[in-house]
């Protein structure tokens, strides 16, 4: 049996939001299998979903750009080490420039983007390294997405930490902005139920079935309970099923129908999502810097 470490227990607790003892017991019973332990806790507690995906740790900025005709656009995320650098004007201009470059050049991946030429004659990686030298922090172009559409594009930036680009057809510019803002607020994972991963849906069904079975109700009632939970889950995670944030009495699907419009696709970026930021000992860092300064001074005087 695998040794259950304090780090494993803490990770499961951060993921589920449940107590340390519950997490340790689940890990022990599943032989240290983190995913199996999470599923077991969800079955027993009725917890809706993992909270790990919402952890925001790294700093940086999301940038967006859409061409004047609303046909081409891009969303980019660039990471840095501190919020101080994320608010630096040179850093901000670098991110915005990347969004425009992606929309114009349509690079296939971050490696292709790194060698793409900027208007100043430098390529992206050269400009990034110059920015590192100037600002004194590691800077990383993490990800981007580029859209080209026969419909229209709209974007929304919530400060510099969250960005949305949405591809839609029908309606008007206001509808596009409303859709992008809704996606930022409600964070759907896809447009419609048909786009939900079969594996993800199967996992949810297993968990809901186990939860419903503990009620002791007849099998036919349990089956209805499970289908009800699945329907609720789909409404929570699909754009079309969610209540519209500006008018919760109607779903986004009904809003689109009333405008004879449809959403083809969307992308939501949240700065640092899924990245664990190293939590250092501030006092130790200060003492290390002082020690280094003393060594530098001694070497200069010798």
Protein backbone atom coordinates (compact mmCIF):
# COMPACT_ATOMS: atom_id res chain seq x y z
CA UNK A 1 0.00 0.00 0.00
CA UNK A 2 1.30 3.47 -0.88
CA UNK A 3 2.44 5.76 1.91
CA UNK A 4 -0.09 8.55 2.43
CA UNK A 5 1.91 11.75 2.84
CA UNK A 6 0.78 15.07 4.28
CA UNK A 7 1.32 16.62 0.85
CA UNK A 8 -1.13 14.14 -0.72
CA UNK A 9 -3.72 14.85 1.95
CA UNK A 10 -3.33 18.61 1.47
CA UNK A 11 -3.65 18.29 -2.30
CA UNK A 12 -6.88 16.30 -1.97
CA UNK A 13 -8.21 18.76 0.59
CA UNK A 14 -7.45 21.71 -1.73
CA UNK A 15 -9.16 19.85 -4.55
CA UNK A 16 -12.34 18.89 -2.71
CA UNK A 17 -12.60 21.46 0.08
CA UNK A 18 -13.24 18.64 2.58
CA UNK A 19 -11.62 17.89 5.94
CA UNK A 20 -8.10 16.55 6.45
CA UNK A 21 -9.23 13.36 8.18
CA UNK A 22 -11.82 12.61 5.49
CA UNK A 23 -9.19 13.10 2.80
CA UNK A 24 -6.63 10.92 4.58
CA UNK A 25 -9.18 8.14 5.04
CA UNK A 26 -10.19 8.26 1.37
CA UNK A 27 -6.57 8.10 0.25
CA UNK A 28 -5.90 5.18 2.59
CA UNK A 29 -8.93 3.28 1.32
CA UNK A 30 -7.97 3.84 -2.33
CA UNK A 31 -4.28 3.02 -1.89
CA UNK A 32 -3.17 6.59 -2.58
CA UNK A 33 -5.04 6.91 -5.89
CA UNK A 34 -5.84 10.64 -5.96
CA UNK A 35 -8.58 10.46 -8.60
CA UNK A 36 -10.29 7.46 -6.98
CA UNK A 37 -10.13 9.17 -3.59
CA UNK A 38 -11.69 12.33 -5.02
CA UNK A 39 -14.52 10.33 -6.60
CA UNK A 40 -15.12 8.49 -3.32
CA UNK A 41 -15.33 11.76 -1.39
CA UNK A 42 -17.71 13.25 -3.94
CA UNK A 43 -19.98 10.22 -3.66
CA UNK A 44 -20.05 10.42 0.13
CA UNK A 45 -20.26 14.19 0.48
CA UNK A 46 -22.32 15.14 -2.57
CA UNK A 47 -19.65 17.68 -3.54
CA UNK A 48 -20.39 19.03 -7.00
CA UNK A 49 -16.96 19.14 -8.59
CA UNK A 50 -13.26 19.63 -8.15
CA UNK A 51 -12.17 23.08 -7.04
CA UNK A 52 -8.63 22.57 -8.29
CA UNK A 53 -9.37 23.99 -11.74
CA UNK A 54 -10.29 27.33 -10.19
CA UNK A 55 -6.96 27.85 -8.43
CA UNK A 56 -5.22 30.92 -9.80
CA UNK A 57 -1.55 31.05 -8.88
CA UNK A 58 0.67 32.63 -11.55
CA UNK A 59 0.74 36.30 -12.50
CA UNK A 60 0.50 37.80 -15.96
CA UNK A 61 -2.03 39.12 -18.43
CA UNK A 62 -4.60 38.03 -20.99
CA UNK A 63 -4.68 40.11 -24.16
CA UNK A 64 -7.31 40.18 -26.90
CA UNK A 65 -7.51 41.61 -30.39
CA UNK A 66 -10.27 41.56 -33.01
CA UNK A 67 -9.93 43.05 -36.50
CA UNK A 68 -12.21 46.00 -37.36
CA UNK A 69 -14.44 43.77 -39.51
CA UNK A 70 -14.92 41.36 -36.54
CA UNK A 71 -13.85 38.40 -38.71
CA UNK A 72 -10.44 37.55 -37.23
CA UNK A 73 -9.18 37.74 -33.69
CA UNK A 74 -6.98 36.24 -31.01
CA UNK A 75 -6.66 35.68 -27.28
CA UNK A 76 -3.23 35.27 -25.64
CA UNK A 77 -1.92 34.62 -22.13
CA UNK A 78 1.56 35.74 -21.08
CA UNK A 79 2.86 34.91 -17.61
CA UNK A 80 5.33 36.73 -15.38
CA UNK A 81 6.38 36.35 -11.75
CA UNK A 82 4.71 39.30 -10.00
CA UNK A 83 1.65 41.49 -10.34
CA UNK A 84 4.01 44.50 -10.34
CA UNK A 85 5.47 43.44 -13.70
CA UNK A 86 2.02 42.44 -14.99
CA UNK A 87 1.03 46.12 -14.61
CA UNK A 88 4.16 47.42 -16.34
CA UNK A 89 3.42 49.38 -19.53
CA UNK A 90 6.10 47.59 -21.57
CA UNK A 91 4.74 44.20 -20.52
CA UNK A 92 1.17 45.27 -21.34
CA UNK A 93 2.21 46.53 -24.79
CA UNK A 94 4.07 43.27 -25.45
CA UNK A 95 0.96 41.20 -24.68
CA UNK A 96 -1.31 43.41 -26.78
CA UNK A 97 1.14 43.27 -29.66
CA UNK A 98 1.17 39.47 -29.49
CA UNK A 99 -2.61 39.33 -29.75
CA UNK A 100 -2.50 41.43 -32.92
CA UNK A 101 0.33 39.33 -34.34
CA UNK A 102 -1.51 36.06 -33.73
CA UNK A 103 -4.64 37.43 -35.40
CA UNK A 104 -2.61 38.54 -38.44
CA UNK A 105 -0.13 35.66 -38.85
CA UNK A 106 -2.10 32.66 -37.49
CA UNK A 107 0.93 30.74 -36.10
CA UNK A 108 0.38 27.02 -35.53
CA UNK A 109 1.84 26.92 -32.00
CA UNK A 110 3.94 28.85 -29.47
CA UNK A 111 7.16 27.75 -31.17
CA UNK A 112 6.01 29.26 -34.46
CA UNK A 113 4.90 32.40 -32.64
CA UNK A 114 8.34 32.73 -30.99
CA UNK A 115 10.02 33.24 -34.38
CA UNK A 116 7.30 35.45 -35.87
CA UNK A 117 8.43 38.99 -36.65
CA UNK A 118 7.10 41.98 -34.74
CA UNK A 119 6.72 45.45 -36.33
CA UNK A 120 9.97 46.60 -34.65
CA UNK A 121 11.96 44.01 -36.61
CA UNK A 122 12.62 41.67 -33.68
CA UNK A 123 10.98 38.29 -33.46
CA UNK A 124 8.76 37.50 -30.50
CA UNK A 125 11.37 35.54 -28.58
CA UNK A 126 13.99 38.27 -29.00
CA UNK A 127 11.51 40.84 -27.73
CA UNK A 128 10.56 38.57 -24.82
CA UNK A 129 14.20 38.12 -23.78
CA UNK A 130 14.82 41.87 -23.99
CA UNK A 131 11.81 42.40 -21.74
CA UNK A 132 13.20 39.86 -19.26
CA UNK A 133 16.48 41.75 -19.14
CA UNK A 134 14.70 45.07 -18.64
CA UNK A 135 12.13 43.97 -16.04
CA UNK A 136 14.20 41.34 -14.23
CA UNK A 137 11.56 38.60 -14.25
CA UNK A 138 10.96 35.44 -16.19
CA UNK A 139 8.30 36.00 -18.86
CA UNK A 140 6.59 33.15 -20.68
CA UNK A 141 4.16 33.12 -23.61
CA UNK A 142 1.92 30.37 -22.29
CA UNK A 143 -0.90 29.92 -24.80
CA UNK A 144 -3.02 31.54 -27.48
CA UNK A 145 -6.04 30.88 -29.66
CA UNK A 146 -6.84 32.41 -33.04
CA UNK A 147 -10.30 32.69 -34.60
CA UNK A 148 -11.42 33.28 -38.16
CA UNK A 149 -15.15 33.27 -38.82
CA UNK A 150 -17.89 33.83 -41.38
CA UNK A 151 -19.99 35.24 -38.54
CA UNK A 152 -18.77 37.78 -35.99
CA UNK A 153 -16.29 37.82 -33.12
CA UNK A 154 -16.65 39.57 -29.78
CA UNK A 155 -14.28 39.76 -26.82
CA UNK A 156 -14.34 40.76 -23.19
CA UNK A 157 -11.46 41.39 -20.80
CA UNK A 158 -12.12 41.39 -17.07
CA UNK A 159 -9.21 43.56 -16.02
CA UNK A 160 -6.07 41.84 -17.25
CA UNK A 161 -6.67 38.51 -15.53
CA UNK A 162 -9.50 37.01 -17.56
CA UNK A 163 -10.36 37.14 -21.24
CA UNK A 164 -13.05 35.73 -23.53
CA UNK A 165 -13.41 35.54 -27.28
CA UNK A 166 -16.67 34.27 -28.76
CA UNK A 167 -17.60 33.34 -32.34
CA UNK A 168 -21.29 33.91 -33.06
CA UNK A 169 -23.73 34.36 -35.92
CA UNK A 170 -26.80 36.60 -36.00
CA UNK A 171 -27.80 39.27 -33.51
CA UNK A 172 -25.74 42.43 -33.18
CA UNK A 173 -22.57 43.77 -31.55
CA UNK A 174 -24.32 44.23 -28.21
CA UNK A 175 -25.33 40.56 -28.16
CA UNK A 176 -21.72 39.57 -28.76
CA UNK A 177 -20.47 41.67 -25.87
CA UNK A 178 -23.21 40.31 -23.60
CA UNK A 179 -22.29 36.73 -24.51
CA UNK A 180 -18.60 37.33 -23.82
CA UNK A 181 -19.37 38.93 -20.45
CA UNK A 182 -21.70 36.06 -19.56
CA UNK A 183 -19.00 33.50 -20.35
CA UNK A 184 -16.52 35.35 -18.11
CA UNK A 185 -19.04 35.43 -15.27
CA UNK A 186 -20.50 31.90 -15.54
CA UNK A 187 -17.53 29.99 -17.00
CA UNK A 188 -19.29 27.34 -19.12
CA UNK A 189 -17.04 24.54 -20.37
CA UNK A 190 -18.63 24.24 -23.83
CA UNK A 191 -21.51 25.56 -25.95
CA UNK A 192 -23.94 22.63 -25.84
CA UNK A 193 -24.50 19.24 -24.21
CA UNK A 194 -23.39 17.47 -27.40
CA UNK A 195 -19.87 18.80 -26.84
CA UNK A 196 -19.47 17.32 -23.35
CA UNK A 197 -16.82 14.61 -23.26
CA UNK A 198 -18.47 11.15 -23.02
CA UNK A 199 -15.85 10.14 -20.45
CA UNK A 200 -16.62 13.17 -18.29
CA UNK A 201 -20.37 12.54 -18.52
CA UNK A 202 -19.87 8.86 -17.68
CA UNK A 203 -17.86 9.79 -14.60
CA UNK A 204 -20.55 12.18 -13.40
CA UNK A 205 -23.21 9.53 -13.99
CA UNK A 206 -21.30 6.97 -11.89
CA UNK A 207 -20.95 9.46 -9.04
CA UNK A 208 -24.60 10.55 -9.15
CA UNK A 209 -25.71 6.91 -9.31
CA UNK A 210 -23.71 6.05 -6.22
CA UNK A 211 -25.08 9.08 -4.38
CA UNK A 212 -28.68 8.29 -5.34
CA UNK A 213 -28.31 4.61 -4.42
CA UNK A 214 -27.48 5.57 -0.83
CA UNK A 215 -30.96 7.09 -0.52
CA UNK A 216 -32.43 3.57 -0.32
CA UNK A 217 -35.19 4.43 -2.80
CA UNK A 218 -36.48 1.95 -5.44
CA UNK A 219 -34.40 1.49 -8.58
CA UNK A 220 -36.83 3.38 -10.84
CA UNK A 221 -36.78 6.38 -8.51
CA UNK A 222 -32.97 6.22 -8.32
CA UNK A 223 -32.80 6.25 -12.13
CA UNK A 224 -34.99 9.36 -12.27
CA UNK A 225 -32.87 11.03 -9.61
CA UNK A 226 -29.72 10.35 -11.63
CA UNK A 227 -31.23 11.72 -14.84
CA UNK A 228 -32.36 14.81 -12.94
CA UNK A 229 -28.84 15.37 -11.63
CA UNK A 230 -27.36 14.88 -15.10
CA UNK A 231 -29.79 17.43 -16.55
CA UNK A 232 -28.86 19.91 -13.82
CA UNK A 233 -25.16 19.30 -14.41
CA UNK A 234 -25.52 19.94 -18.16
CA UNK A 235 -27.40 23.17 -17.47
CA UNK A 236 -24.58 24.31 -15.18
CA UNK A 237 -21.66 23.63 -17.52
CA UNK A 238 -23.07 24.35 -21.01
CA UNK A 239 -23.47 27.88 -22.31
CA UNK A 240 -26.90 27.24 -23.82
CA UNK A 241 -28.26 25.77 -20.58
CA UNK A 242 -27.08 28.50 -18.22
CA UNK A 243 -29.37 31.28 -16.98
CA UNK A 244 -28.34 34.49 -18.76
CA UNK A 245 -26.52 36.71 -16.24
CA UNK A 246 -28.38 39.88 -17.26
CA UNK A 247 -31.77 38.13 -17.19
CA UNK A 248 -31.73 34.90 -15.13
CA UNK A 249 -35.35 34.21 -16.06
CA UNK A 250 -34.20 32.99 -19.47
CA UNK A 251 -31.36 30.71 -20.54
CA UNK A 252 -28.68 31.76 -22.98
CA UNK A 253 -30.22 29.27 -25.41
CA UNK A 254 -33.56 31.09 -25.29
CA UNK A 255 -31.83 34.46 -25.60
CA UNK A 256 -30.10 33.32 -28.77
CA UNK A 257 -33.34 31.91 -30.19
CA UNK A 258 -35.09 35.24 -29.61
CA UNK A 259 -32.33 36.98 -31.60
CA UNK A 260 -32.19 34.30 -34.35
CA UNK A 261 -28.55 33.85 -33.37
CA UNK A 262 -26.18 31.02 -32.51
CA UNK A 263 -22.80 30.58 -30.85
CA UNK A 264 -20.26 28.60 -32.85
CA UNK A 265 -17.49 28.49 -30.27
CA UNK A 266 -15.74 30.40 -27.51
CA UNK A 267 -12.52 30.42 -25.49
CA UNK A 268 -12.01 31.58 -21.91
CA UNK A 269 -8.52 32.22 -20.52
CA UNK A 270 -7.87 32.91 -16.83
CA UNK A 271 -4.34 33.99 -15.92
CA UNK A 272 -2.42 31.22 -14.19
CA UNK A 273 -5.26 28.72 -14.28
CA UNK A 274 -3.83 25.32 -13.41
CA UNK A 275 -0.38 26.69 -12.56
CA UNK A 276 0.93 26.26 -9.03
CA UNK A 277 2.87 29.32 -7.92
CA UNK A 278 5.85 28.55 -5.72
CA UNK A 279 5.17 29.85 -2.22
CA UNK A 280 8.53 30.87 -0.79
CA UNK A 281 9.61 31.94 2.67
CA UNK A 282 9.82 35.73 2.38
CA UNK A 283 12.12 36.12 5.37
CA UNK A 284 14.47 33.47 3.99
CA UNK A 285 14.51 35.21 0.61
CA UNK A 286 15.44 38.53 2.24
CA UNK A 287 18.23 36.92 4.27
CA UNK A 288 19.55 35.19 1.15
CA UNK A 289 19.67 38.53 -0.67
CA UNK A 290 21.46 40.17 2.27
CA UNK A 291 23.98 37.33 2.35
CA UNK A 292 24.58 37.66 -1.39
CA UNK A 293 25.11 41.41 -1.04
CA UNK A 294 27.69 40.81 1.70
CA UNK A 295 29.52 38.28 -0.48
CA UNK A 296 29.51 40.69 -3.44
CA UNK A 297 30.85 43.51 -1.26
CA UNK A 298 33.58 41.28 0.17
CA UNK A 299 34.70 40.16 -3.28
CA UNK A 300 34.82 43.77 -4.50
CA UNK A 301 37.00 44.90 -1.55
CA UNK A 302 39.45 42.01 -1.87
